[in-house]
Amino acid sequence: MNKTQKYLTIALWSLTVIAMVSFVASGMWRREPQRRELERLFEVPQFKLVDQNDQSFTKKDVLGKVWIADFVFTQCAGPCPMMTQAMVELQKELAGSPIQFVSVSVDPAHDTPVVLKKYAAAMKADEKNWTFATGEPTEIFGLAAGMKIAASAADAENSIIHSEKFILVDEKGWIRGYYFFKDPEKRRELIDDARRLAGK
């Protein structure tokens, strides 16, 4: 083998090694994408509500737990049934985890504990880790405002307004994310983020 052939052989081997290292590195990068930082956004305020079993439900009941919340009402002819169905799917997806679910009614005049109990059954919600809550309007809309979620009661000119987002809350009562329920990518993010917070 002359010098020219020797140099060409060395160069080809070097290029082959570089290509292989680059391929392996790119594969590892794809397998282990960098995780998003889950910032503490807002602290959930104190609240005093009642659940579908007519039992007191306060912030203390969810401290120490990761939970996913939304604001809906049972007579809603808009997104509420779809939101609750999406939450049912989340509950199934996260089965076996310690994650809790909380749906707060923004129509407390109609949505009594009895009504919420029937709604939960009709929507096939598993009540073991899902609370449907109602209470005084000041408590409900104060909670929504504290959680930075749009919600307002009906008046002479407007119907009930409420957000279409799910809210992820950590075990210390801090909101860690908002997720539009119709967006499949956001729902997948919610599942991943909830599992990460719960350590599952």
C-alpha atoms as a PDB file:
ATOM      1  CA  MET A   1       0.000   0.000   0.000  1.00  0.00           C
ATOM      2  CA  ASN A   2       1.534   3.308  -1.071  1.00  0.00           C
ATOM      3  CA  LYS A   3       1.308   6.529   0.948  1.00  0.00           C
ATOM      4  CA  THR A   4      -1.629   7.926  -1.065  1.00  0.00           C
ATOM      5  CA  GLN A   5      -3.693   4.781  -0.553  1.00  0.00           C
ATOM      6  CA  LYS A   6      -2.781   4.756   3.144  1.00  0.00           C
ATOM      7  CA  TYR A   7      -3.928   8.371   3.623  1.00  0.00           C
ATOM      8  CA  LEU A   8      -7.176   7.715   1.729  1.00  0.00           C
ATOM      9  CA  THR A   9      -7.892   4.650   3.872  1.00  0.00           C
ATOM     10  CA  ILE A  10      -7.288   6.598   7.087  1.00  0.00           C
ATOM     11  CA  ALA A  11      -9.504   9.454   5.852  1.00  0.00           C
ATOM     12  CA  LEU A  12     -12.339   7.089   4.915  1.00  0.00           C
ATOM     13  CA  TRP A  13     -12.200   5.334   8.289  1.00  0.00           C
ATOM     14  CA  SER A  14     -12.197   8.690  10.069  1.00  0.00           C
ATOM     15  CA  LEU A  15     -15.248   9.855   8.138  1.00  0.00           C
ATOM     16  CA  THR A  16     -17.013   6.548   8.874  1.00  0.00           C
ATOM     17  CA  VAL A  17     -16.364   6.864  12.611  1.00  0.00           C
ATOM     18  CA  ILE A  18     -17.554  10.496  12.653  1.00  0.00           C
ATOM     19  CA  ALA A  19     -20.742   9.542  10.773  1.00  0.00           C
ATOM     20  CA  MET A  20     -21.457   6.676  13.166  1.00  0.00           C
ATOM     21  CA  VAL A  21     -20.936   8.862  16.251  1.00  0.00           C
ATOM     22  CA  SER A  22     -23.182  11.553  14.801  1.00  0.00           C
ATOM     23  CA  PHE A  23     -25.911   9.009  14.014  1.00  0.00           C
ATOM     24  CA  VAL A  24     -25.832   7.515  17.508  1.00  0.00           C
ATOM     25  CA  ALA A  25     -25.809  10.939  19.138  1.00  0.00           C
ATOM     26  CA  SER A  26     -28.769  12.135  17.080  1.00  0.00           C
ATOM     27  CA  GLY A  27     -30.707   8.977  17.992  1.00  0.00           C
ATOM     28  CA  MET A  28     -30.029   9.483  21.682  1.00  0.00           C
ATOM     29  CA  TRP A  29     -31.155  13.093  21.409  1.00  0.00           C
ATOM     30  CA  ARG A  30     -34.438  12.024  19.847  1.00  0.00           C
ATOM     31  CA  ARG A  31     -35.035   9.418  22.539  1.00  0.00           C
ATOM     32  CA  GLU A  32     -34.363  11.828  25.392  1.00  0.00           C
ATOM     33  CA  PRO A  33     -35.898  15.211  24.520  1.00  0.00           C
ATOM     34  CA  GLN A  34     -35.381  18.007  26.982  1.00  0.00           C
ATOM     35  CA  ARG A  35     -38.327  18.336  29.342  1.00  0.00           C
ATOM     36  CA  ARG A  36     -40.225  21.587  29.712  1.00  0.00           C
ATOM     37  CA  GLU A  37     -39.784  23.371  32.992  1.00  0.00           C
ATOM     38  CA  LEU A  38     -43.036  23.341  34.986  1.00  0.00           C
ATOM     39  CA  GLU A  39     -43.018  26.732  36.638  1.00  0.00           C
ATOM     40  CA  ARG A  40     -45.054  27.671  39.689  1.00  0.00           C
ATOM     41  CA  LEU A  41     -47.575  30.080  38.193  1.00  0.00           C
ATOM     42  CA  PHE A  42     -50.149  31.028  40.867  1.00  0.00           C
ATOM     43  CA  GLU A  43     -51.117  29.713  44.268  1.00  0.00           C
ATOM     44  CA  VAL A  44     -54.680  28.405  44.559  1.00  0.00           C
ATOM     45  CA  PRO A  45     -56.551  30.530  47.139  1.00  0.00           C
ATOM     46  CA  GLN A  46     -58.414  29.122  50.118  1.00  0.00           C
ATOM     47  CA  PHE A  47     -61.974  28.013  49.297  1.00  0.00           C
ATOM     48  CA  LYS A  48     -64.954  26.446  51.016  1.00  0.00           C
ATOM     49  CA  LEU A  49     -67.327  24.424  48.839  1.00  0.00           C
ATOM     50  CA  VAL A  50     -69.461  21.275  49.088  1.00  0.00           C
ATOM     51  CA  ASP A  51     -69.115  18.137  46.985  1.00  0.00           C
ATOM     52  CA  GLN A  52     -71.613  15.866  45.223  1.00  0.00           C
ATOM     53  CA  ASN A  53     -72.137  13.990  48.498  1.00  0.00           C
ATOM     54  CA  ASP A  54     -73.020  17.227  50.310  1.00  0.00           C
ATOM     55  CA  GLN A  55     -69.749  17.082  52.247  1.00  0.00           C
ATOM     56  CA  SER A  56     -67.457  20.013  52.917  1.00  0.00           C
ATOM     57  CA  PHE A  57     -64.723  20.428  50.311  1.00  0.00           C
ATOM     58  CA  THR A  58     -61.840  22.833  50.947  1.00  0.00           C
ATOM     59  CA  LYS A  59     -58.276  23.398  49.849  1.00  0.00           C
ATOM     60  CA  LYS A  60     -57.108  21.180  52.727  1.00  0.00           C
ATOM     61  CA  ASP A  61     -58.788  18.213  51.033  1.00  0.00           C
ATOM     62  CA  VAL A  62     -56.437  18.431  48.041  1.00  0.00           C
ATOM     63  CA  LEU A  63     -53.226  19.592  49.715  1.00  0.00           C
ATOM     64  CA  GLY A  64     -50.632  16.881  49.360  1.00  0.00           C
ATOM     65  CA  LYS A  65     -52.216  15.713  46.098  1.00  0.00           C
ATOM     66  CA  VAL A  66     -51.713  16.543  42.434  1.00  0.00           C
ATOM     67  CA  TRP A  67     -55.048  17.515  40.906  1.00  0.00           C
ATOM     68  CA  ILE A  68     -56.623  18.567  37.636  1.00  0.00           C
ATOM     69  CA  ALA A  69     -59.498  21.056  37.732  1.00  0.00           C
ATOM     70  CA  ASP A  70     -62.056  22.594  35.428  1.00  0.00           C
ATOM     71  CA  PHE A  71     -65.085  24.886  35.697  1.00  0.00           C
ATOM     72  CA  VAL A  72     -68.319  23.636  34.130  1.00  0.00           C
ATOM     73  CA  PHE A  73     -72.083  23.455  34.775  1.00  0.00           C
ATOM     74  CA  THR A  74     -74.625  20.732  34.203  1.00  0.00           C
ATOM     75  CA  GLN A  75     -77.112  22.662  32.031  1.00  0.00           C
ATOM     76  CA  CYS A  76     -74.391  23.846  29.656  1.00  0.00           C
ATOM     77  CA  ALA A  77     -75.343  23.396  26.014  1.00  0.00           C
ATOM     78  CA  GLY A  78     -71.844  24.317  24.865  1.00  0.00           C
ATOM     79  CA  PRO A  79     -68.463  22.801  25.726  1.00  0.00           C
ATOM     80  CA  CYS A  80     -69.175  21.402  29.219  1.00  0.00           C
ATOM     81  CA  PRO A  81     -70.270  17.879  28.226  1.00  0.00           C
ATOM     82  CA  MET A  82     -67.233  17.617  25.962  1.00  0.00           C
ATOM     83  CA  MET A  83     -64.973  18.921  28.729  1.00  0.00           C
ATOM     84  CA  THR A  84     -66.337  16.385  31.184  1.00  0.00           C
ATOM     85  CA  GLN A  85     -65.983  13.593  28.637  1.00  0.00           C
ATOM     86  CA  ALA A  86     -62.396  14.679  28.010  1.00  0.00           C
ATOM     87  CA  MET A  87     -61.819  14.583  31.774  1.00  0.00           C
ATOM     88  CA  VAL A  88     -63.285  11.051  31.878  1.00  0.00           C
ATOM     89  CA  GLU A  89     -60.705  10.043  29.271  1.00  0.00           C
ATOM     90  CA  LEU A  90     -57.947  11.686  31.314  1.00  0.00           C
ATOM     91  CA  GLN A  91     -59.109   9.806  34.384  1.00  0.00           C
ATOM     92  CA  LYS A  92     -58.906   6.515  32.477  1.00  0.00           C
ATOM     93  CA  GLU A  93     -55.496   7.386  31.058  1.00  0.00           C
ATOM     94  CA  LEU A  94     -54.188   8.219  34.525  1.00  0.00           C
ATOM     95  CA  ALA A  95     -55.798   5.254  36.267  1.00  0.00           C
ATOM     96  CA  GLY A  96     -53.592   3.853  38.999  1.00  0.00           C
ATOM     97  CA  SER A  97     -51.979   7.198  39.747  1.00  0.00           C
ATOM     98  CA  PRO A  98     -52.738   9.281  42.873  1.00  0.00           C
ATOM     99  CA  ILE A  99     -54.004  12.196  40.770  1.00  0.00           C
ATOM    100  CA  GLN A 100     -57.315  13.778  41.781  1.00  0.00           C
ATOM    101  CA  PHE A 101     -59.926  15.485  39.593  1.00  0.00           C
ATOM    102  CA  VAL A 102     -62.063  18.484  40.548  1.00  0.00           C
ATOM    103  CA  SER A 103     -64.952  20.000  38.577  1.00  0.00           C
ATOM    104  CA  VAL A 104     -66.411  23.193  39.984  1.00  0.00           C
ATOM    105  CA  SER A 105     -69.905  24.293  38.936  1.00  0.00           C
ATOM    106  CA  VAL A 106     -70.336  27.891  37.821  1.00  0.00           C
ATOM    107  CA  ASP A 107     -74.121  27.567  38.160  1.00  0.00           C
ATOM    108  CA  PRO A 108     -74.565  26.958  41.895  1.00  0.00           C
ATOM    109  CA  ALA A 109     -78.232  28.051  41.899  1.00  0.00           C
ATOM    110  CA  HIS A 110     -79.090  24.968  39.848  1.00  0.00           C
ATOM    111  CA  ASP A 111     -76.188  22.620  40.486  1.00  0.00           C
ATOM    112  CA  THR A 112     -76.938  21.312  43.958  1.00  0.00           C
ATOM    113  CA  PRO A 113     -75.030  18.281  45.313  1.00  0.00           C
ATOM    114  CA  VAL A 114     -77.904  16.040  44.189  1.00  0.00           C
ATOM    115  CA  VAL A 115     -77.766  17.426  40.641  1.00  0.00           C
ATOM    116  CA  LEU A 116     -73.980  17.060  40.530  1.00  0.00           C
ATOM    117  CA  LYS A 117     -74.244  13.472  41.754  1.00  0.00           C
ATOM    118  CA  LYS A 118     -76.619  12.627  38.902  1.00  0.00           C
ATOM    119  CA  TYR A 119     -74.400  14.433  36.405  1.00  0.00           C
ATOM    120  CA  ALA A 120     -71.339  12.477  37.551  1.00  0.00           C
ATOM    121  CA  ALA A 121     -73.228   9.199  37.125  1.00  0.00           C
ATOM    122  CA  ALA A 122     -74.573  10.186  33.696  1.00  0.00           C
ATOM    123  CA  MET A 123     -71.073  11.089  32.503  1.00  0.00           C
ATOM    124  CA  LYS A 124     -69.650   7.832  33.927  1.00  0.00           C
ATOM    125  CA  ALA A 125     -67.161   9.672  36.116  1.00  0.00           C
ATOM    126  CA  ASP A 126     -65.350   7.559  38.694  1.00  0.00           C
ATOM    127  CA  GLU A 127     -66.114   9.388  41.940  1.00  0.00           C
ATOM    128  CA  LYS A 128     -63.361   7.661  43.912  1.00  0.00           C
ATOM    129  CA  ASN A 129     -60.940  10.415  42.904  1.00  0.00           C
ATOM    130  CA  TRP A 130     -63.222  12.976  41.249  1.00  0.00           C
ATOM    131  CA  THR A 131     -64.965  15.728  43.178  1.00  0.00           C
ATOM    132  CA  PHE A 132     -67.856  17.726  41.707  1.00  0.00           C
ATOM    133  CA  ALA A 133     -68.153  20.892  43.760  1.00  0.00           C
ATOM    134  CA  THR A 134     -70.675  23.663  44.260  1.00  0.00           C
ATOM    135  CA  GLY A 135     -71.218  26.362  46.849  1.00  0.00           C
ATOM    136  CA  GLU A 136     -71.796  30.049  47.361  1.00  0.00           C
ATOM    137  CA  PRO A 137     -71.262  32.200  44.240  1.00  0.00           C
ATOM    138  CA  THR A 138     -68.693  34.347  46.034  1.00  0.00           C
ATOM    139  CA  GLU A 139     -66.651  31.236  46.834  1.00  0.00           C
ATOM    140  CA  ILE A 140     -66.894  29.804  43.316  1.00  0.00           C
ATOM    141  CA  PHE A 141     -66.113  32.954  41.390  1.00  0.00           C
ATOM    142  CA  GLY A 142     -63.509  33.988  43.938  1.00  0.00           C
ATOM    143  CA  LEU A 143     -61.782  30.655  43.385  1.00  0.00           C
ATOM    144  CA  ALA A 144     -61.929  31.075  39.605  1.00  0.00           C
ATOM    145  CA  ALA A 145     -60.457  34.578  39.880  1.00  0.00           C
ATOM    146  CA  GLY A 146     -57.712  33.337  42.181  1.00  0.00           C
ATOM    147  CA  MET A 147     -56.878  30.559  39.741  1.00  0.00           C
ATOM    148  CA  LYS A 148     -56.753  33.162  36.918  1.00  0.00           C
ATOM    149  CA  ILE A 149     -59.617  31.483  35.072  1.00  0.00           C
ATOM    150  CA  ALA A 150     -62.423  33.331  33.280  1.00  0.00           C
ATOM    151  CA  ALA A 151     -65.811  32.668  34.873  1.00  0.00           C
ATOM    152  CA  SER A 152     -68.865  34.806  35.487  1.00  0.00           C
ATOM    153  CA  ALA A 153     -72.501  34.265  36.383  1.00  0.00           C
ATOM    154  CA  ALA A 154     -75.395  34.940  34.020  1.00  0.00           C
ATOM    155  CA  ASP A 155     -77.030  38.352  34.088  1.00  0.00           C
ATOM    156  CA  ALA A 156     -79.745  40.191  32.147  1.00  0.00           C
ATOM    157  CA  GLU A 157     -77.519  40.538  29.090  1.00  0.00           C
ATOM    158  CA  ASN A 158     -75.083  37.615  29.236  1.00  0.00           C
ATOM    159  CA  SER A 159     -75.184  33.886  29.781  1.00  0.00           C
ATOM    160  CA  ILE A 160     -72.745  32.038  32.027  1.00  0.00           C
ATOM    161  CA  ILE A 161     -69.124  32.414  30.973  1.00  0.00           C
ATOM    162  CA  HIS A 162     -66.366  29.964  31.878  1.00  0.00           C
ATOM    163  CA  SER A 163     -62.946  28.907  30.670  1.00  0.00           C
ATOM    164  CA  GLU A 164     -62.422  25.834  28.488  1.00  0.00           C
ATOM    165  CA  LYS A 165     -59.060  25.001  30.033  1.00  0.00           C
ATOM    166  CA  PHE A 166     -57.954  22.278  32.405  1.00  0.00           C
ATOM    167  CA  ILE A 167     -55.768  23.428  35.272  1.00  0.00           C
ATOM    168  CA  LEU A 168     -52.946  21.349  36.730  1.00  0.00           C
ATOM    169  CA  VAL A 169     -52.208  21.934  40.423  1.00  0.00           C
ATOM    170  CA  ASP A 170     -49.321  20.451  42.406  1.00  0.00           C
ATOM    171  CA  GLU A 171     -49.402  18.919  45.878  1.00  0.00           C
ATOM    172  CA  LYS A 172     -48.587  22.252  47.522  1.00  0.00           C
ATOM    173  CA  GLY A 173     -51.484  24.072  45.871  1.00  0.00           C
ATOM    174  CA  TRP A 174     -49.583  25.816  43.092  1.00  0.00           C
ATOM    175  CA  ILE A 175     -50.906  25.969  39.526  1.00  0.00           C
ATOM    176  CA  ARG A 176     -48.346  24.466  37.170  1.00  0.00           C
ATOM    177  CA  GLY A 177     -50.132  24.696  33.840  1.00  0.00           C
ATOM    178  CA  TYR A 178     -53.228  25.487  31.759  1.00  0.00           C
ATOM    179  CA  TYR A 179     -54.332  23.204  28.920  1.00  0.00           C
ATOM    180  CA  PHE A 180     -57.030  23.855  26.311  1.00  0.00           C
ATOM    181  CA  PHE A 181     -59.187  20.744  26.411  1.00  0.00           C
ATOM    182  CA  LYS A 182     -59.783  20.502  22.637  1.00  0.00           C
ATOM    183  CA  ASP A 183     -56.069  20.476  21.762  1.00  0.00           C
ATOM    184  CA  PRO A 184     -54.773  16.859  21.572  1.00  0.00           C
ATOM    185  CA  GLU A 185     -51.180  18.010  21.994  1.00  0.00           C
ATOM    186  CA  LYS A 186     -52.051  19.988  25.135  1.00  0.00           C
ATOM    187  CA  ARG A 187     -53.962  17.039  26.557  1.00  0.00           C
ATOM    188  CA  ARG A 188     -50.927  14.816  26.020  1.00  0.00           C
ATOM    189  CA  GLU A 189     -48.776  17.447  27.718  1.00  0.00           C
ATOM    190  CA  LEU A 190     -51.224  17.498  30.630  1.00  0.00           C
ATOM    191  CA  ILE A 191     -50.993  13.729  31.075  1.00  0.00           C
ATOM    192  CA  ASP A 192     -47.184  13.803  30.964  1.00  0.00           C
ATOM    193  CA  ASP A 193     -46.953  16.815  33.299  1.00  0.00           C
ATOM    194  CA  ALA A 194     -49.405  15.339  35.796  1.00  0.00           C
ATOM    195  CA  ARG A 195     -47.493  12.060  35.892  1.00  0.00           C
ATOM    196  CA  ARG A 196     -44.241  13.901  36.393  1.00  0.00           C
ATOM    197  CA  LEU A 197     -45.617  15.924  39.310  1.00  0.00           C
ATOM    198  CA  ALA A 198     -47.128  12.808  40.866  1.00  0.00           C
ATOM    199  CA  GLY A 199     -43.911  10.871  40.388  1.00  0.00           C
ATOM    200  CA  LYS A 200     -45.637   8.251  38.257  1.00  0.00           C
END
